[in-house]
């Protein structure tokens, strides 16, 4: 595993239950780009809480929304419900990047 992947996975692993970070926030904390975060999670993120990384609108990765929603409910992650559209309430659930992944 390369250094970028290790930093991304470490950052994601440190997001507490009930909280999330956006791809951009993880990228900033890990010193990489948001696309790299997505690639790392897709290729080697199955053993970290990948559902705690959402897009800038609070939505989980496409194709795994139902699984992520189940995790959000189990962890009491604050959600917004607009009809069939369910997303994370970023105002209440965001984990500050300055507290994660920095040494």
Protein backbone atom coordinates (compact mmCIF):
# COMPACT_ATOMS: atom_id res chain seq x y z
CA UNK A 1 0.00 0.00 0.00
CA UNK A 2 1.32 3.44 -0.84
CA UNK A 3 1.68 6.42 1.49
CA UNK A 4 -1.39 8.25 0.11
CA UNK A 5 -3.59 5.19 0.63
CA UNK A 6 -2.29 4.77 4.18
CA UNK A 7 -3.06 8.42 5.01
CA UNK A 8 -6.55 8.21 3.49
CA UNK A 9 -7.40 4.98 5.31
CA UNK A 10 -6.00 6.32 8.58
CA UNK A 11 -8.08 9.48 8.25
CA UNK A 12 -11.26 7.56 7.45
CA UNK A 13 -10.61 5.13 10.31
CA UNK A 14 -10.45 8.01 12.77
CA UNK A 15 -13.89 9.47 11.92
CA UNK A 16 -16.04 8.72 14.97
CA UNK A 17 -19.32 6.87 14.81
CA UNK A 18 -22.23 9.17 13.96
CA UNK A 19 -20.01 11.61 12.06
CA UNK A 20 -18.86 12.01 8.47
CA UNK A 21 -16.30 13.81 6.36
CA UNK A 22 -16.68 14.78 2.74
CA UNK A 23 -14.29 13.44 0.12
CA UNK A 24 -12.75 16.92 0.00
CA UNK A 25 -12.25 17.05 3.76
CA UNK A 26 -10.58 13.62 3.79
CA UNK A 27 -8.41 14.73 0.86
CA UNK A 28 -7.33 17.87 2.72
CA UNK A 29 -6.54 15.93 5.90
CA UNK A 30 -4.64 13.24 3.97
CA UNK A 31 -2.79 15.69 1.71
CA UNK A 32 -4.23 14.39 -1.56
CA UNK A 33 -7.12 14.97 -3.96
CA UNK A 34 -10.77 14.00 -3.59
CA UNK A 35 -10.59 11.62 -6.57
CA UNK A 36 -7.69 9.81 -4.95
CA UNK A 37 -9.81 9.36 -1.82
CA UNK A 38 -12.53 7.73 -3.89
CA UNK A 39 -10.02 5.44 -5.60
CA UNK A 40 -8.44 4.37 -2.32
CA UNK A 41 -11.82 3.62 -0.76
CA UNK A 42 -12.98 1.73 -3.85
CA UNK A 43 -9.80 -0.36 -4.04
CA UNK A 44 -8.90 -0.95 -0.40
CA UNK A 45 -11.46 0.72 1.85
CA UNK A 46 -13.61 -2.29 2.68
CA UNK A 47 -12.04 -2.65 6.16
CA UNK A 48 -12.58 0.99 7.20
CA UNK A 49 -15.89 2.83 7.83
CA UNK A 50 -16.17 3.95 4.18
CA UNK A 51 -19.81 5.01 4.67
CA UNK A 52 -18.58 7.89 6.82
CA UNK A 53 -17.21 9.57 3.68
CA UNK A 54 -19.88 11.40 1.70
CA UNK A 55 -20.05 13.86 -1.16
CA UNK A 56 -20.39 17.61 -0.62
CA UNK A 57 -24.20 17.25 -0.52
CA UNK A 58 -24.12 14.58 2.20
CA UNK A 59 -24.77 11.60 -0.06
CA UNK A 60 -22.90 8.30 0.21
CA UNK A 61 -21.14 6.63 -2.69
CA UNK A 62 -23.43 5.57 -5.53
CA UNK A 63 -24.27 1.91 -5.56
CA UNK A 64 -23.94 1.51 -1.80
CA UNK A 65 -26.49 4.03 -0.54
CA UNK A 66 -28.74 1.45 1.13
CA UNK A 67 -25.84 -0.17 2.98
CA UNK A 68 -24.58 3.26 4.05
CA UNK A 69 -28.06 4.27 5.21
CA UNK A 70 -28.24 1.17 7.40
CA UNK A 71 -24.91 2.14 8.97
CA UNK A 72 -26.04 5.75 9.46
CA UNK A 73 -29.17 4.58 11.27
CA UNK A 74 -27.20 2.16 13.44
CA UNK A 75 -24.75 4.94 14.39
CA UNK A 76 -27.47 7.59 14.89
CA UNK A 77 -25.89 9.81 12.24
CA UNK A 78 -28.01 12.97 11.78
CA UNK A 79 -29.95 12.70 8.52
CA UNK A 80 -32.08 14.97 6.36
CA UNK A 81 -35.20 13.48 4.74
CA UNK A 82 -36.70 15.15 1.68
CA UNK A 83 -39.18 12.74 0.16
CA UNK A 84 -37.18 9.76 -1.07
CA UNK A 85 -33.94 11.73 -0.83
CA UNK A 86 -32.07 10.90 2.37
CA UNK A 87 -28.68 12.38 3.05
CA UNK A 88 -26.44 13.18 5.99
CA UNK A 89 -27.05 16.48 7.76
CA UNK A 90 -23.58 17.91 7.23
CA UNK A 91 -24.23 20.84 9.56
CA UNK A 92 -24.64 18.41 12.46
CA UNK A 93 -22.60 15.36 11.45
CA UNK A 94 -19.42 16.78 9.88
CA UNK A 95 -16.23 15.87 11.63
CA UNK A 96 -13.70 18.75 11.62
CA UNK A 97 -10.70 18.06 9.42
CA UNK A 98 -8.36 19.78 11.86
CA UNK A 99 -9.12 17.04 14.41
CA UNK A 100 -8.58 14.12 12.03
CA UNK A 101 -5.43 12.85 10.39
CA UNK A 102 -3.17 15.65 11.59
CA UNK A 103 -0.07 15.11 13.61
